[in-house]
Amino acid sequence: MGAIAILYASKHQQFKALVLEGLFANSYDLGEEMLNKKIGKRLAKFVGYAIFWIGSMIWSLGKFRHSRPMDHIAQVSPTPMMIIRGKNDERVPEISFNKLLLAAGDPMELWLHDGLHTKAFNQYPDEYKQRVLKFLNKHTK
């Protein structure tokens, strides 16, 4: 959902602030990580490029750029973004998240918690509410 929000917000500057969680730079990174875990790194590189690239083209209806939020996140600026990531994210590789972070513009706040992928609210409900409300209050008045 974060990727969709980035794509939309990059084209429509109507938001006062965005809170995003579970972000990735591009869908290829996710597929490669999944294949690395299933079949190993060597075979994953070969299989991933051949099969996942074709799958992504089909999934994105030939518009492969839609599965690359890192190409759009800079255009979200100057809308403030709060980006939430679990240090133990089992779905999005850290390298993919870091690519996206490098592409992001300002203003941006980052909350790295010790939890899992998109589980900040479930694992840290009080801290989540406090941080998100503080961010929204700061940027939406």
N, C-alpha and C. Protein backbone atom coordinates (compact mmCIF):
# COMPACT_ATOMS: atom_id res chain seq x y z
N MET A 1 0.81 -1.20 0.00
CA MET A 1 0.00 0.00 0.00
C MET A 1 0.85 1.26 0.00
N GLY A 2 2.02 1.20 0.66
CA GLY A 2 2.90 2.36 0.70
C GLY A 2 3.36 2.77 -0.68
N ALA A 3 3.63 1.77 -1.54
CA ALA A 3 4.07 2.06 -2.91
C ALA A 3 2.98 2.78 -3.68
N ILE A 4 1.75 2.37 -3.50
CA ILE A 4 0.62 3.01 -4.18
C ILE A 4 0.46 4.45 -3.68
N ALA A 5 0.59 4.63 -2.37
CA ALA A 5 0.48 5.97 -1.80
C ALA A 5 1.56 6.89 -2.35
N ILE A 6 2.77 6.38 -2.49
CA ILE A 6 3.87 7.19 -3.05
C ILE A 6 3.57 7.57 -4.49
N LEU A 7 3.15 6.62 -5.28
CA LEU A 7 2.84 6.89 -6.69
C LEU A 7 1.74 7.95 -6.80
N TYR A 8 0.68 7.81 -6.04
CA TYR A 8 -0.43 8.77 -6.09
C TYR A 8 0.01 10.15 -5.59
N ALA A 9 0.68 10.17 -4.44
CA ALA A 9 1.10 11.45 -3.86
C ALA A 9 2.11 12.18 -4.72
N SER A 10 2.90 11.44 -5.50
CA SER A 10 3.87 12.09 -6.38
C SER A 10 3.20 12.82 -7.54
N LYS A 11 1.99 12.42 -7.87
CA LYS A 11 1.26 13.03 -8.99
C LYS A 11 0.21 14.05 -8.53
N HIS A 12 -0.23 13.93 -7.28
CA HIS A 12 -1.29 14.78 -6.75
C HIS A 12 -0.83 15.38 -5.43
N GLN A 13 -0.40 16.59 -5.46
CA GLN A 13 0.13 17.27 -4.26
C GLN A 13 -1.01 17.81 -3.39
N GLN A 14 -1.88 16.94 -2.91
CA GLN A 14 -3.03 17.37 -2.14
C GLN A 14 -2.98 16.93 -0.68
N PHE A 15 -1.95 16.21 -0.29
CA PHE A 15 -1.87 15.72 1.08
C PHE A 15 -1.08 16.68 1.94
N LYS A 16 -1.48 16.79 3.20
CA LYS A 16 -0.73 17.61 4.15
C LYS A 16 0.43 16.82 4.74
N ALA A 17 0.29 15.49 4.83
CA ALA A 17 1.33 14.63 5.38
C ALA A 17 1.02 13.18 5.01
N LEU A 18 2.05 12.35 5.00
CA LEU A 18 1.89 10.92 4.72
C LEU A 18 2.58 10.12 5.81
N VAL A 19 1.95 9.04 6.25
CA VAL A 19 2.57 8.06 7.14
C VAL A 19 2.65 6.77 6.35
N LEU A 20 3.86 6.27 6.16
CA LEU A 20 4.10 5.12 5.29
C LEU A 20 4.86 4.03 6.03
N GLU A 21 4.46 2.79 5.81
CA GLU A 21 5.12 1.66 6.48
C GLU A 21 5.25 0.51 5.49
N GLY A 22 6.32 -0.27 5.63
CA GLY A 22 6.52 -1.44 4.79
C GLY A 22 7.01 -1.11 3.40
N LEU A 23 7.78 -0.06 3.24
CA LEU A 23 8.19 0.41 1.93
C LEU A 23 9.34 -0.38 1.33
N PHE A 24 9.36 -0.43 0.00
CA PHE A 24 10.44 -1.05 -0.75
C PHE A 24 10.79 -0.14 -1.92
N ALA A 25 12.01 -0.28 -2.44
CA ALA A 25 12.46 0.56 -3.54
C ALA A 25 11.87 0.12 -4.87
N ASN A 26 11.87 -1.19 -5.11
CA ASN A 26 11.33 -1.73 -6.35
C ASN A 26 10.91 -3.18 -6.11
N SER A 27 9.98 -3.65 -6.91
CA SER A 27 9.44 -4.99 -6.70
C SER A 27 10.47 -6.09 -7.01
N TYR A 28 11.45 -5.79 -7.83
CA TYR A 28 12.47 -6.80 -8.12
C TYR A 28 13.20 -7.21 -6.85
N ASP A 29 13.51 -6.24 -5.99
CA ASP A 29 14.21 -6.55 -4.73
C ASP A 29 13.41 -7.54 -3.89
N LEU A 30 12.09 -7.38 -3.86
CA LEU A 30 11.25 -8.29 -3.08
C LEU A 30 11.28 -9.70 -3.66
N GLY A 31 11.17 -9.79 -4.96
CA GLY A 31 11.22 -11.10 -5.62
C GLY A 31 12.56 -11.78 -5.44
N GLU A 32 13.63 -11.01 -5.56
CA GLU A 32 14.96 -11.58 -5.39
C GLU A 32 15.15 -12.10 -3.96
N GLU A 33 14.70 -11.34 -2.97
CA GLU A 33 14.80 -11.77 -1.57
C GLU A 33 14.02 -13.06 -1.34
N MET A 34 12.82 -13.14 -1.89
CA MET A 34 12.00 -14.34 -1.74
C MET A 34 12.71 -15.54 -2.37
N LEU A 35 13.25 -15.36 -3.57
CA LEU A 35 13.94 -16.45 -4.23
C LEU A 35 15.23 -16.83 -3.52
N ASN A 36 15.96 -15.86 -3.00
CA ASN A 36 17.18 -16.15 -2.22
C ASN A 36 16.87 -17.10 -1.07
N LYS A 37 15.77 -16.85 -0.39
CA LYS A 37 15.38 -17.68 0.75
C LYS A 37 14.93 -19.07 0.31
N LYS A 38 14.32 -19.16 -0.87
CA LYS A 38 13.77 -20.44 -1.34
C LYS A 38 14.79 -21.31 -2.05
N ILE A 39 15.62 -20.70 -2.94
CA ILE A 39 16.50 -21.52 -3.78
C ILE A 39 17.97 -21.14 -3.72
N GLY A 40 18.33 -20.15 -2.93
CA GLY A 40 19.73 -19.75 -2.81
C GLY A 40 20.08 -18.60 -3.73
N LYS A 41 21.15 -17.88 -3.37
CA LYS A 41 21.51 -16.63 -4.07
C LYS A 41 21.94 -16.84 -5.52
N ARG A 42 22.74 -17.85 -5.79
CA ARG A 42 23.25 -18.04 -7.16
C ARG A 42 22.11 -18.29 -8.15
N LEU A 43 21.29 -19.26 -7.83
CA LEU A 43 20.19 -19.61 -8.71
C LEU A 43 19.14 -18.50 -8.75
N ALA A 44 18.97 -17.81 -7.63
CA ALA A 44 17.97 -16.73 -7.56
C ALA A 44 18.29 -15.61 -8.53
N LYS A 45 19.56 -15.25 -8.67
CA LYS A 45 19.93 -14.18 -9.61
C LYS A 45 19.49 -14.54 -11.03
N PHE A 46 19.79 -15.76 -11.45
CA PHE A 46 19.46 -16.20 -12.80
C PHE A 46 17.95 -16.31 -13.00
N VAL A 47 17.31 -17.07 -12.12
CA VAL A 47 15.87 -17.29 -12.22
C VAL A 47 15.12 -15.99 -12.01
N GLY A 48 15.55 -15.22 -11.03
CA GLY A 48 14.87 -13.96 -10.72
C GLY A 48 14.83 -13.01 -11.87
N TYR A 49 15.95 -12.83 -12.53
CA TYR A 49 15.98 -11.87 -13.62
C TYR A 49 15.09 -12.32 -14.76
N ALA A 50 15.18 -13.59 -15.10
CA ALA A 50 14.40 -14.10 -16.23
C ALA A 50 12.90 -14.14 -15.93
N ILE A 51 12.53 -14.73 -14.82
CA ILE A 51 11.12 -14.97 -14.54
C ILE A 51 10.46 -13.79 -13.84
N PHE A 52 11.10 -13.24 -12.83
CA PHE A 52 10.46 -12.17 -12.07
C PHE A 52 10.29 -10.92 -12.92
N TRP A 53 11.23 -10.62 -13.77
CA TRP A 53 11.11 -9.44 -14.63
C TRP A 53 9.88 -9.59 -15.53
N ILE A 54 9.72 -10.75 -16.12
CA ILE A 54 8.56 -10.99 -16.99
C ILE A 54 7.27 -10.91 -16.18
N GLY A 55 7.26 -11.52 -14.99
CA GLY A 55 6.08 -11.46 -14.12
C GLY A 55 5.73 -10.03 -13.73
N SER A 56 6.75 -9.24 -13.45
CA SER A 56 6.50 -7.84 -13.08
C SER A 56 5.92 -7.06 -14.25
N MET A 57 6.40 -7.34 -15.44
CA MET A 57 5.86 -6.65 -16.62
C MET A 57 4.37 -7.00 -16.81
N ILE A 58 4.04 -8.26 -16.60
CA ILE A 58 2.64 -8.67 -16.74
C ILE A 58 1.81 -8.05 -15.62
N TRP A 59 2.30 -8.14 -14.38
CA TRP A 59 1.59 -7.62 -13.21
C TRP A 59 1.34 -6.12 -13.34
N SER A 60 2.32 -5.40 -13.89
CA SER A 60 2.19 -3.94 -13.99
C SER A 60 1.65 -3.50 -15.35
N LEU A 61 1.12 -4.45 -16.12
CA LEU A 61 0.53 -4.17 -17.44
C LEU A 61 1.52 -3.47 -18.36
N GLY A 62 2.77 -3.91 -18.29
CA GLY A 62 3.81 -3.34 -19.16
C GLY A 62 4.38 -2.03 -18.67
N LYS A 63 3.88 -1.53 -17.58
CA LYS A 63 4.36 -0.25 -17.02
C LYS A 63 5.21 -0.55 -15.80
N PHE A 64 6.37 -1.14 -16.02
CA PHE A 64 7.23 -1.62 -14.95
C PHE A 64 7.56 -0.55 -13.94
N ARG A 65 7.54 0.71 -14.33
CA ARG A 65 7.85 1.82 -13.42
C ARG A 65 6.89 1.88 -12.24
N HIS A 66 5.67 1.38 -12.38
CA HIS A 66 4.72 1.41 -11.27
C HIS A 66 5.20 0.58 -10.10
N SER A 67 6.08 -0.38 -10.35
CA SER A 67 6.58 -1.21 -9.27
C SER A 67 7.94 -0.72 -8.77
N ARG A 68 8.23 0.54 -9.01
CA ARG A 68 9.48 1.16 -8.56
C ARG A 68 9.19 2.46 -7.80
N PRO A 69 8.72 2.37 -6.56
CA PRO A 69 8.41 3.57 -5.80
C PRO A 69 9.60 4.52 -5.66
N MET A 70 10.83 3.99 -5.72
CA MET A 70 12.00 4.86 -5.56
C MET A 70 12.11 5.89 -6.68
N ASP A 71 11.47 5.61 -7.82
CA ASP A 71 11.49 6.57 -8.92
C ASP A 71 10.49 7.72 -8.72
N HIS A 72 9.62 7.60 -7.74
CA HIS A 72 8.57 8.58 -7.54
C HIS A 72 8.63 9.31 -6.20
N ILE A 73 9.33 8.76 -5.24
CA ILE A 73 9.25 9.29 -3.87
C ILE A 73 9.78 10.71 -3.75
N ALA A 74 10.77 11.08 -4.56
CA ALA A 74 11.31 12.45 -4.47
C ALA A 74 10.26 13.49 -4.85
N GLN A 75 9.32 13.12 -5.74
CA GLN A 75 8.29 14.06 -6.16
C GLN A 75 7.21 14.29 -5.10
N VAL A 76 7.21 13.47 -4.05
CA VAL A 76 6.25 13.66 -2.97
C VAL A 76 6.59 14.93 -2.19
N SER A 77 7.88 15.27 -2.13
CA SER A 77 8.33 16.49 -1.46
C SER A 77 7.69 17.70 -2.13
N PRO A 78 7.23 18.67 -1.39
CA PRO A 78 7.50 19.02 0.00
C PRO A 78 6.50 18.45 1.02
N THR A 79 5.67 17.48 0.62
CA THR A 79 4.76 16.88 1.58
C THR A 79 5.56 16.11 2.63
N PRO A 80 5.36 16.40 3.91
CA PRO A 80 6.09 15.68 4.96
C PRO A 80 5.71 14.20 4.98
N MET A 81 6.72 13.36 5.16
CA MET A 81 6.51 11.92 5.23
C MET A 81 7.07 11.38 6.54
N MET A 82 6.32 10.49 7.16
CA MET A 82 6.83 9.70 8.26
C MET A 82 6.96 8.28 7.72
N ILE A 83 8.17 7.75 7.76
CA ILE A 83 8.43 6.41 7.24
C ILE A 83 8.74 5.50 8.42
N ILE A 84 8.01 4.38 8.48
CA ILE A 84 8.13 3.43 9.58
C ILE A 84 8.69 2.12 9.04
N ARG A 85 9.70 1.58 9.75
CA ARG A 85 10.30 0.31 9.32
C ARG A 85 10.68 -0.52 10.53
N GLY A 86 10.40 -1.81 10.44
CA GLY A 86 10.84 -2.76 11.45
C GLY A 86 12.24 -3.23 11.13
N LYS A 87 13.13 -3.19 12.10
CA LYS A 87 14.50 -3.65 11.89
C LYS A 87 14.56 -5.14 11.56
N ASN A 88 13.53 -5.87 11.94
CA ASN A 88 13.46 -7.30 11.67
C ASN A 88 12.45 -7.62 10.56
N ASP A 89 12.32 -6.69 9.62
CA ASP A 89 11.40 -6.87 8.49
C ASP A 89 11.83 -8.11 7.71
N GLU A 90 10.96 -9.09 7.65
CA GLU A 90 11.26 -10.35 6.98
C GLU A 90 10.86 -10.35 5.51
N ARG A 91 10.22 -9.30 5.04
CA ARG A 91 9.74 -9.26 3.65
C ARG A 91 10.53 -8.32 2.76
N VAL A 92 10.86 -7.14 3.28
CA VAL A 92 11.57 -6.14 2.48
C VAL A 92 13.04 -6.13 2.91
N PRO A 93 13.94 -6.47 1.99
CA PRO A 93 15.36 -6.45 2.36
C PRO A 93 15.82 -5.04 2.71
N GLU A 94 16.74 -4.97 3.65
CA GLU A 94 17.24 -3.67 4.11
C GLU A 94 17.82 -2.86 2.96
N ILE A 95 18.50 -3.50 2.03
CA ILE A 95 19.11 -2.78 0.90
C ILE A 95 18.03 -2.09 0.06
N SER A 96 16.89 -2.73 -0.10
CA SER A 96 15.80 -2.13 -0.87
C SER A 96 15.25 -0.91 -0.14
N PHE A 97 15.03 -1.05 1.17
CA PHE A 97 14.54 0.07 1.96
C PHE A 97 15.53 1.24 1.91
N ASN A 98 16.81 0.94 2.02
CA ASN A 98 17.83 2.00 2.00
C ASN A 98 17.87 2.74 0.67
N LYS A 99 17.66 2.04 -0.44
CA LYS A 99 17.59 2.70 -1.75
C LYS A 99 16.45 3.71 -1.77
N LEU A 100 15.32 3.30 -1.25
CA LEU A 100 14.15 4.18 -1.22
C LEU A 100 14.42 5.40 -0.33
N LEU A 101 15.01 5.16 0.81
CA LEU A 101 15.32 6.24 1.75
C LEU A 101 16.25 7.27 1.12
N LEU A 102 17.24 6.80 0.37
CA LEU A 102 18.17 7.72 -0.31
C LEU A 102 17.47 8.56 -1.37
N ALA A 103 16.44 8.01 -1.97
CA ALA A 103 15.72 8.73 -3.02
C ALA A 103 14.68 9.71 -2.47
N ALA A 104 14.30 9.54 -1.21
CA ALA A 104 13.24 10.37 -0.62
C ALA A 104 13.71 11.80 -0.42
N GLY A 105 12.78 12.71 -0.55
CA GLY A 105 13.07 14.12 -0.30
C GLY A 105 12.73 14.51 1.12
N ASP A 106 12.88 15.77 1.42
CA ASP A 106 12.55 16.30 2.74
C ASP A 106 11.25 17.08 2.65
N PRO A 107 10.55 17.27 3.74
CA PRO A 107 10.82 16.79 5.10
C PRO A 107 10.40 15.33 5.27
N MET A 108 11.22 14.59 6.02
CA MET A 108 10.97 13.18 6.25
C MET A 108 11.43 12.80 7.65
N GLU A 109 10.60 12.05 8.34
CA GLU A 109 10.96 11.50 9.64
C GLU A 109 10.97 9.99 9.53
N LEU A 110 11.93 9.36 10.18
CA LEU A 110 12.07 7.92 10.14
C LEU A 110 11.91 7.34 11.54
N TRP A 111 11.08 6.31 11.64
CA TRP A 111 10.97 5.57 12.89
C TRP A 111 11.37 4.12 12.61
N LEU A 112 12.53 3.73 13.12
CA LEU A 112 13.00 2.35 13.05
C LEU A 112 12.67 1.68 14.38
N HIS A 113 11.84 0.66 14.33
CA HIS A 113 11.50 -0.07 15.55
C HIS A 113 12.08 -1.48 15.45
N ASP A 114 12.03 -2.21 16.53
CA ASP A 114 12.65 -3.55 16.57
C ASP A 114 11.75 -4.66 16.04
N GLY A 115 10.60 -4.33 15.53
CA GLY A 115 9.62 -5.33 15.12
C GLY A 115 9.73 -5.82 13.70
N LEU A 116 8.61 -6.36 13.22
CA LEU A 116 8.51 -7.01 11.91
C LEU A 116 7.86 -6.10 10.87
N HIS A 117 7.76 -6.60 9.66
CA HIS A 117 7.17 -5.90 8.52
C HIS A 117 5.72 -5.50 8.81
N THR A 118 5.43 -4.24 8.71
CA THR A 118 4.10 -3.64 8.90
C THR A 118 3.41 -4.06 10.20
N LYS A 119 4.18 -4.26 11.24
CA LYS A 119 3.61 -4.69 12.52
C LYS A 119 3.80 -3.65 13.62
N ALA A 120 4.20 -2.44 13.29
CA ALA A 120 4.46 -1.42 14.30
C ALA A 120 3.24 -1.19 15.20
N PHE A 121 2.08 -1.06 14.59
CA PHE A 121 0.88 -0.80 15.40
C PHE A 121 0.56 -1.97 16.32
N ASN A 122 0.67 -3.19 15.82
CA ASN A 122 0.37 -4.37 16.63
C ASN A 122 1.41 -4.58 17.73
N GLN A 123 2.67 -4.33 17.42
CA GLN A 123 3.74 -4.62 18.38
C GLN A 123 4.01 -3.47 19.35
N TYR A 124 3.75 -2.25 18.94
CA TYR A 124 4.03 -1.07 19.77
C TYR A 124 2.85 -0.09 19.70
N PRO A 125 1.66 -0.50 20.11
CA PRO A 125 0.47 0.34 19.89
C PRO A 125 0.54 1.72 20.55
N ASP A 126 1.01 1.79 21.78
CA ASP A 126 1.06 3.08 22.45
C ASP A 126 2.09 4.01 21.81
N GLU A 127 3.27 3.46 21.52
CA GLU A 127 4.32 4.27 20.88
C GLU A 127 3.89 4.69 19.48
N TYR A 128 3.25 3.78 18.77
CA TYR A 128 2.76 4.08 17.42
C TYR A 128 1.82 5.28 17.46
N LYS A 129 0.82 5.21 18.32
CA LYS A 129 -0.15 6.30 18.43
C LYS A 129 0.53 7.61 18.79
N GLN A 130 1.42 7.56 19.75
CA GLN A 130 2.11 8.77 20.20
C GLN A 130 2.94 9.37 19.07
N ARG A 131 3.73 8.55 18.38
CA ARG A 131 4.60 9.06 17.32
C ARG A 131 3.81 9.58 16.12
N VAL A 132 2.83 8.81 15.68
CA VAL A 132 2.06 9.20 14.50
C VAL A 132 1.23 10.45 14.78
N LEU A 133 0.59 10.50 15.92
CA LEU A 133 -0.20 11.69 16.26
C LEU A 133 0.68 12.93 16.40
N LYS A 134 1.83 12.79 17.01
CA LYS A 134 2.76 13.91 17.13
C LYS A 134 3.19 14.41 15.74
N PHE A 135 3.51 13.47 14.85
CA PHE A 135 3.89 13.83 13.48
C PHE A 135 2.74 14.54 12.76
N LEU A 136 1.56 13.97 12.82
CA LEU A 136 0.40 14.57 12.13
C LEU A 136 0.03 15.93 12.72
N ASN A 137 0.06 16.06 14.02
CA ASN A 137 -0.22 17.35 14.64
C ASN A 137 0.79 18.41 14.22
N LYS A 138 2.02 18.01 14.10
CA LYS A 138 3.09 18.94 13.71
C LYS A 138 2.91 19.42 12.26
N HIS A 139 2.43 18.55 11.38
CA HIS A 139 2.43 18.88 9.95
C HIS A 139 1.06 19.14 9.34
N THR A 140 -0.02 19.05 10.10
CA THR A 140 -1.34 19.22 9.48
C THR A 140 -2.15 20.37 10.05
N LYS A 141 -1.52 21.21 10.83
CA LYS A 141 -2.26 22.36 11.38
C LYS A 141 -2.20 23.55 10.47
